[in-house]
Structure formats: structure tokens, C-alpha cells
Amino acid sequence: MHYFLPRAAASLCWATLLFPSEATVYAEQHPVSPLLPSEVCSKALPANTTIGKPQNISITSSNVPRSYLLVIPPLYTAQASSPEKWEGDPGQTQNDTQLVTDIIASLESTYCVDSNRIYATGKSDGGGFCNTLACHPVLSTKIAAFAPVSGAFYIDVQPCTPSSVPIPCSPGRSKVPILEFHGGKDKTIHYSGQANRSNECLPTIPHWVREWAKRDGLGLKNVTTELTNDTLVYTYGTGNETGLVTHVFDSSIGHDWPSTELNDDSRRDADDPATFNATSMIMEWFQKHVLPSG
């Protein structure tokens, strides 16, 4: 799970996907933006500071300039019993939404954070937790946009029809930007959904995407474009809302973070590299979305 918090000085913050108690901080010192009073930005990390133990950073750090990357280790006792899972995963009881609330509050009080440009992305269970945040009545109003990758969108209901299961969601605003990536050969979180995984339901990815399009008031009509020879992009919305909900489907990859270079995911699954880089697409898409004022 990753939380991106660009500062006025254009830094970025994220918390690591699989090891919430272990992360690394990379930071380049930047001049403080004159748009904010200096006392708001009273603390800054020195250049090339490292905190904690590097873990699981190769997938998402590619294509992100080091000068923009700040990784914060979210030490949180609720995670200790199951450090590789997030709230919303079957059987998990820890309060990770409170963890995110605490992280945001701490960073806003410590660093020069642009509170209108806080973003969340993550893979698998972390992608599912992105959806938990996007559906949260308060945190959906504090995070500008969400980009789950190979997301595990568990719903605690049985029996289950993955293509039509009701998806509970109560965001605190009406227009929540969503960008979702999924592989057609994902054998962990199936693109076609799963009626019973760990005694819970996984909706089909098209159904999950369409529900977000409806929730955002965009309707079900989309524009389908070819990104590469094996990847389609489904874009919902028109005018200023074009792409407010976007789905990227790669028919060739499995449970991977899409990258044109081999990474831990593709090596594990013996997959070829993807034909595009999800990270650069996510970063470009995030820049288009700012929390509405008021």
C-alpha cells in the first residue's frame, strides 16, 4: 500500500506494500514554496536520508524521480499480528484506516504537505485497501485519487455472483478518481472474479469498475482505446470528467505490477515484462487530480 503526499516543494510520500513496519526514506532537499508561509514548512529531511530497512521498493520506485520520493515507515502496533495484510482482507481486524488517518495528520503537522494532493496506490491486498480508503466517508475526502493494481476487492458475503454482487461503498464525495490495472492471466485475484476466496467474494473487475463509474455519475458508456498490442484502456466520463474512472486491462500478464522491465512479480510468475509501465501512468494520472476546494 502506498500513500503519495506531494509537498509544495514537490516531494512524495509512500508507505510500503507488504512490510508496513519496514520502509526506506529517500529525500532530496528542495527550496520551500513561496506560496506557503515558512513556519508551515519548518522541518525538512536532509538530502539522501535513509531510515529503516529497504523492503519491496523495486516495483513501484521505477520511473519515479528520486527527488520526488519520500518513503515513511508507518510503525503501528495493530499491524504486528499480520504485517503482510491490510484491513479489508479476510480475517483481518486491524484498523488500518486509522493508521492512514494518523499518517496524514503526522505528515501534515511535520512537513510542508499539499493537503489537496494526497494519493493512494497499492497492489493486491494493498490495492483492495485503496478501495477501502476510496469508499471511506472521511478518508475519501482527504485523498485526491486512488490507483489500485491487481486489486483484491473482497466483499464479505456468501453466496456470491461475482458479476453482479452488490459492492458496499460510502465515499464522502460524489466524484472519486479511480485508475485500476489488472492482468487477464491473474491466477491470484482473477479478472473474472471468484465466488469464494477465503470464504469471501471477489467481484469481476469489469463489474467493480462499472460500479465506480455509476457511483461517480459517469454512466456505463466508455471509450476503449488500445494502449499496446495486448493492453486496452477503458475510459469513463466526458469533458472535464474524462478518465475520472479508468481501467487498464493487460491480457498477457498475471498478478503483476506492470513494468517493461522484469521485477519481483514477473520473475515470481515467470511472466514476460509488460508492454507499458504502470508507475509512470499512475504518476501522470495523479497529477491531473486535486481535491476539490470546499
Protein backbone atom coordinates (compact mmCIF):
# COMPACT_ATOMS: atom_id res chain seq x y z
CA MET A 1 0.00 0.00 0.00
CA HIS A 2 1.39 3.39 -0.90
CA TYR A 3 0.40 6.88 0.17
CA PHE A 4 1.70 9.67 -2.05
CA LEU A 5 1.76 13.11 -0.47
CA PRO A 6 3.39 15.72 -2.73
CA ARG A 7 4.70 18.73 -0.82
CA ALA A 8 4.65 22.29 -2.10
CA ALA A 9 8.30 21.53 -2.83
CA ALA A 10 7.17 18.53 -4.88
CA SER A 11 8.13 15.62 -2.65
CA LEU A 12 6.28 12.37 -2.44
CA CYS A 13 5.41 10.09 0.46
CA TRP A 14 4.55 6.42 0.45
CA ALA A 15 4.23 3.51 2.87
CA THR A 16 5.48 0.14 1.67
CA LEU A 17 3.17 -2.57 0.29
CA LEU A 18 3.97 -5.80 2.14
CA PHE A 19 6.01 -4.70 5.12
CA PRO A 20 4.23 -1.80 6.84
CA SER A 21 6.78 -1.77 9.68
CA GLU A 22 9.83 -1.59 7.42
CA ALA A 23 10.38 1.10 4.82
CA THR A 24 13.04 3.38 3.44
CA VAL A 25 13.11 7.13 3.17
CA TYR A 26 14.63 8.74 0.11
CA ALA A 27 14.51 12.51 0.01
CA GLU A 28 16.19 15.35 -1.82
CA GLN A 29 16.09 18.73 -0.16
CA HIS A 30 14.16 21.36 -2.11
CA PRO A 31 13.54 25.05 -1.57
CA VAL A 32 10.29 25.81 0.22
CA SER A 33 7.50 27.06 -1.98
CA PRO A 34 6.86 30.78 -1.52
CA LEU A 35 3.14 30.02 -1.74
CA LEU A 36 3.12 28.75 1.85
CA PRO A 37 4.22 30.59 5.00
CA SER A 38 7.68 29.50 6.10
CA GLU A 39 6.51 28.30 9.52
CA VAL A 40 4.35 25.66 7.85
CA CYS A 41 7.48 24.14 6.34
CA SER A 42 9.72 24.33 9.37
CA LYS A 43 11.11 20.79 9.06
CA ALA A 44 12.72 19.01 6.13
CA LEU A 45 14.70 15.82 5.68
CA PRO A 46 18.34 16.20 4.68
CA ALA A 47 19.36 15.02 1.24
CA ASN A 48 19.64 11.25 0.70
CA THR A 49 18.40 10.41 4.19
CA THR A 50 17.69 6.72 4.79
CA ILE A 51 15.50 5.44 7.63
CA GLY A 52 14.78 1.80 8.35
CA LYS A 53 15.40 -1.29 6.25
CA PRO A 54 14.81 -1.30 2.47
CA GLN A 55 12.00 -3.67 1.58
CA ASN A 56 9.89 -4.27 -1.50
CA ILE A 57 10.61 -0.96 -3.21
CA SER A 58 11.76 -2.07 -6.65
CA ILE A 59 8.33 -2.43 -8.24
CA THR A 60 6.92 0.97 -7.53
CA SER A 61 10.06 3.06 -7.34
CA SER A 62 10.87 2.64 -11.03
CA ASN A 63 10.07 5.70 -13.15
CA VAL A 64 9.58 7.91 -10.08
CA PRO A 65 12.27 10.61 -9.81
CA ARG A 66 14.25 10.18 -6.58
CA SER A 67 13.89 13.88 -5.86
CA TYR A 68 10.14 13.36 -5.60
CA LEU A 69 10.12 10.23 -3.45
CA LEU A 70 9.73 10.24 0.30
CA VAL A 71 9.04 6.90 1.98
CA ILE A 72 7.80 6.92 5.56
CA PRO A 73 7.89 3.81 7.82
CA PRO A 74 4.42 3.57 9.42
CA LEU A 75 5.16 1.79 12.71
CA TYR A 76 1.79 0.65 14.03
CA THR A 77 1.15 -1.99 16.69
CA ALA A 78 -2.11 -3.12 15.11
CA GLN A 79 -0.11 -4.45 12.17
CA ALA A 80 2.19 -6.63 14.26
CA SER A 81 -0.01 -9.73 14.29
CA SER A 82 -0.30 -9.84 10.50
CA PRO A 83 2.19 -7.49 8.84
CA GLU A 84 1.52 -8.61 5.28
CA LYS A 85 -2.23 -7.96 5.24
CA TRP A 86 -4.40 -4.86 5.22
CA GLU A 87 -7.80 -4.00 6.62
CA GLY A 88 -10.47 -5.45 4.33
CA ASP A 89 -8.59 -8.70 3.73
CA PRO A 90 -10.46 -11.78 5.01
CA GLY A 91 -9.95 -12.30 8.72
CA GLN A 92 -8.13 -9.01 9.30
CA THR A 93 -9.31 -6.93 12.24
CA GLN A 94 -6.68 -4.19 12.48
CA ASN A 95 -7.78 -0.60 12.00
CA ASP A 96 -5.66 0.49 9.03
CA THR A 97 -7.99 3.35 8.17
CA GLN A 98 -6.94 4.84 11.50
CA LEU A 99 -3.32 4.17 10.50
CA VAL A 100 -3.80 6.24 7.35
CA THR A 101 -5.55 8.97 9.32
CA ASP A 102 -2.59 9.07 11.72
CA ILE A 103 -0.02 9.12 8.90
CA ILE A 104 -1.72 12.02 7.15
CA ALA A 105 -2.10 14.01 10.37
CA SER A 106 1.53 13.41 11.34
CA LEU A 107 2.91 14.37 7.95
CA GLU A 108 0.75 17.47 7.66
CA SER A 109 2.00 18.65 11.05
CA THR A 110 5.64 17.82 10.31
CA TYR A 111 6.27 18.52 6.62
CA CYS A 112 5.17 21.01 4.01
CA VAL A 113 2.44 18.79 2.57
CA ASP A 114 -0.06 19.96 -0.03
CA SER A 115 -3.20 18.50 1.54
CA ASN A 116 -5.09 18.70 -1.74
CA ARG A 117 -2.63 16.34 -3.44
CA ILE A 118 -2.55 13.20 -1.33
CA TYR A 119 -2.76 9.98 -3.35
CA ALA A 120 -3.02 6.25 -2.69
CA THR A 121 -1.88 3.29 -4.74
CA GLY A 122 -1.12 -0.32 -3.92
CA LYS A 123 -1.07 -3.86 -5.25
CA SER A 124 -3.18 -6.92 -4.43
CA ASP A 125 -4.33 -6.56 -0.80
CA GLY A 126 -2.88 -3.05 -0.90
CA GLY A 127 -4.96 -2.37 -4.00
CA GLY A 128 -8.00 -3.63 -2.16
CA PHE A 129 -7.18 -1.29 0.69
CA CYS A 130 -7.11 1.58 -1.82
CA ASN A 131 -10.76 0.77 -2.44
CA THR A 132 -11.42 0.70 1.31
CA LEU A 133 -9.98 4.21 1.53
CA ALA A 134 -11.88 5.42 -1.54
CA CYS A 135 -15.13 4.14 -0.02
CA HIS A 136 -14.43 5.61 3.43
CA PRO A 137 -16.72 8.57 4.26
CA VAL A 138 -13.84 10.66 5.64
CA LEU A 139 -10.61 9.44 4.03
CA SER A 140 -12.17 9.64 0.57
CA THR A 141 -12.30 13.39 1.19
CA LYS A 142 -8.65 13.57 2.25
CA ILE A 143 -7.07 11.55 -0.57
CA ALA A 144 -7.32 13.06 -4.04
CA ALA A 145 -7.14 9.93 -6.21
CA PHE A 146 -6.72 6.16 -5.99
CA ALA A 147 -4.84 3.75 -8.27
CA PRO A 148 -5.13 0.07 -7.27
CA VAL A 149 -3.08 -2.52 -9.19
CA SER A 150 -4.24 -6.16 -9.30
CA GLY A 151 -6.63 -5.17 -6.54
CA ALA A 152 -8.23 -7.71 -4.21
CA PHE A 153 -11.65 -6.15 -3.66
CA TYR A 154 -13.05 -8.57 -1.09
CA ILE A 155 -16.73 -8.44 -0.15
CA ASP A 156 -17.83 -10.33 2.95
CA VAL A 157 -20.90 -12.03 1.52
CA GLN A 158 -21.93 -15.57 0.59
CA PRO A 159 -23.35 -16.85 -1.67
CA CYS A 160 -21.87 -14.65 -4.35
CA THR A 161 -22.34 -13.89 -8.03
CA PRO A 162 -19.12 -12.05 -8.99
CA SER A 163 -20.62 -10.25 -11.98
CA SER A 164 -23.46 -8.64 -10.04
CA VAL A 165 -22.63 -8.76 -6.32
CA PRO A 166 -23.59 -5.51 -4.53
CA ILE A 167 -20.45 -3.60 -3.60
CA PRO A 168 -20.78 -1.63 -0.35
CA CYS A 169 -19.20 1.81 -0.61
CA SER A 170 -19.94 5.14 1.11
CA PRO A 171 -17.49 7.80 -0.09
CA GLY A 172 -17.76 11.27 1.36
CA ARG A 173 -17.78 12.96 -2.05
CA SER A 174 -19.50 12.33 -5.35
CA LYS A 175 -16.53 12.34 -7.74
CA VAL A 176 -13.75 9.96 -6.70
CA PRO A 177 -10.95 9.46 -9.28
CA ILE A 178 -10.17 5.76 -9.81
CA LEU A 179 -7.46 4.19 -12.01
CA GLU A 180 -7.34 0.37 -11.95
CA PHE A 181 -4.83 -2.03 -13.56
CA HIS A 182 -5.39 -5.77 -13.92
CA GLY A 183 -3.90 -8.71 -15.79
CA GLY A 184 -6.03 -11.15 -17.73
CA LYS A 185 -3.83 -14.05 -16.57
CA ASP A 186 -4.01 -13.16 -12.89
CA LYS A 187 -4.30 -16.51 -11.09
CA THR A 188 -4.39 -14.93 -7.63
CA ILE A 189 -7.11 -12.29 -7.97
CA HIS A 190 -8.97 -13.46 -11.05
CA TYR A 191 -10.12 -10.89 -13.59
CA SER A 192 -13.39 -12.81 -13.82
CA GLY A 193 -13.87 -12.68 -10.05
CA GLN A 194 -14.14 -15.52 -7.56
CA ALA A 195 -17.33 -16.68 -5.89
CA ASN A 196 -15.44 -17.96 -2.87
CA ARG A 197 -11.90 -16.94 -1.97
CA SER A 198 -11.14 -17.30 1.74
CA ASN A 199 -14.92 -17.55 2.23
CA GLU A 200 -15.47 -14.09 0.76
CA CYS A 201 -16.48 -12.79 -2.66
CA LEU A 202 -14.30 -11.14 -5.29
CA PRO A 203 -16.31 -9.22 -7.93
CA THR A 204 -15.32 -9.37 -11.56
CA ILE A 205 -13.03 -6.47 -12.35
CA PRO A 206 -15.35 -5.08 -15.08
CA HIS A 207 -18.25 -5.11 -12.59
CA TRP A 208 -16.13 -3.35 -9.94
CA VAL A 209 -15.04 -0.69 -12.45
CA ARG A 210 -18.58 -0.12 -13.74
CA GLU A 211 -19.86 0.32 -10.19
CA TRP A 212 -17.32 3.09 -9.66
CA ALA A 213 -18.37 4.72 -12.93
CA LYS A 214 -22.01 4.66 -11.78
CA ARG A 215 -21.09 5.87 -8.30
CA ASP A 216 -19.24 8.83 -9.83
CA GLY A 217 -22.25 9.66 -12.01
CA LEU A 218 -20.47 8.84 -15.27
CA GLY A 219 -22.84 6.18 -16.58
CA LEU A 220 -21.75 2.91 -18.15
CA LYS A 221 -20.60 4.14 -21.55
CA ASN A 222 -16.84 4.08 -22.00
CA VAL A 223 -14.28 4.79 -24.69
CA THR A 224 -11.99 1.85 -25.38
CA THR A 225 -8.51 2.52 -26.76
CA GLU A 226 -5.51 0.31 -27.47
CA LEU A 227 -2.51 1.21 -25.33
CA THR A 228 -0.27 -1.55 -26.72
CA ASN A 229 -0.84 -4.73 -28.70
CA ASP A 230 -2.03 -6.59 -25.57
CA THR A 231 -3.43 -3.79 -23.43
CA LEU A 232 -6.73 -1.91 -23.59
CA VAL A 233 -7.73 1.22 -21.70
CA TYR A 234 -11.39 1.77 -20.78
CA THR A 235 -12.11 5.43 -20.05
CA TYR A 236 -15.31 6.67 -18.42
CA GLY A 237 -16.58 10.23 -18.32
CA THR A 238 -16.72 13.12 -20.79
CA GLY A 239 -15.49 16.69 -20.90
CA ASN A 240 -13.67 17.71 -17.74
CA GLU A 241 -14.54 14.32 -16.25
CA THR A 242 -12.90 12.26 -18.99
CA GLY A 243 -10.89 9.50 -17.35
CA LEU A 244 -12.29 10.10 -13.87
CA VAL A 245 -12.67 6.32 -13.82
CA THR A 246 -10.14 4.47 -15.96
CA HIS A 247 -9.41 0.76 -16.25
CA VAL A 248 -6.26 -0.69 -17.84
CA PHE A 249 -6.52 -4.36 -18.90
CA ASP A 250 -3.37 -6.25 -19.92
CA SER A 251 -4.38 -9.61 -21.37
CA SER A 252 -0.85 -11.06 -21.13
CA ILE A 253 0.26 -10.59 -17.53
CA GLY A 254 -0.64 -12.26 -14.26
CA HIS A 255 -0.67 -10.93 -10.70
CA ASP A 256 1.96 -8.34 -11.56
CA TRP A 257 2.81 -4.68 -11.21
CA PRO A 258 3.11 -3.82 -14.93
CA SER A 259 6.64 -2.84 -15.89
CA THR A 260 8.64 -3.03 -19.10
CA GLU A 261 11.50 -4.42 -17.02
CA LEU A 262 11.44 -7.66 -15.07
CA ASN A 263 10.51 -7.13 -11.43
CA ASP A 264 9.84 -9.36 -8.43
CA ASP A 265 6.27 -10.01 -9.63
CA SER A 266 7.09 -11.06 -13.16
CA ARG A 267 10.04 -13.18 -12.01
CA ARG A 268 7.88 -14.97 -9.45
CA ASP A 269 5.20 -15.78 -12.02
CA ALA A 270 7.69 -16.43 -14.84
CA ASP A 271 5.95 -13.72 -16.85
CA ASP A 272 7.46 -11.60 -19.56
CA PRO A 273 7.71 -7.88 -18.82
CA ALA A 274 4.61 -5.84 -19.56
CA THR A 275 4.41 -3.60 -22.61
CA PHE A 276 3.93 -0.45 -20.51
CA ASN A 277 4.89 0.98 -17.13
CA ALA A 278 2.09 1.35 -14.62
CA THR A 279 4.13 3.62 -12.34
CA SER A 280 4.65 6.39 -14.88
CA MET A 281 0.99 6.16 -15.95
CA ILE A 282 -0.12 6.44 -12.32
CA MET A 283 2.12 9.43 -11.63
CA GLU A 284 0.90 11.24 -14.75
CA TRP A 285 -2.73 10.48 -13.87
CA PHE A 286 -2.31 11.60 -10.25
CA GLN A 287 -1.08 14.99 -11.42
CA LYS A 288 -4.44 15.59 -13.10
CA HIS A 289 -6.42 15.20 -9.89
CA VAL A 290 -6.60 17.61 -6.97
CA LEU A 291 -9.11 17.54 -4.12
CA PRO A 292 -11.97 19.95 -4.81
CA SER A 293 -11.91 23.07 -2.67
CA GLY A 294 -14.56 23.44 -0.03
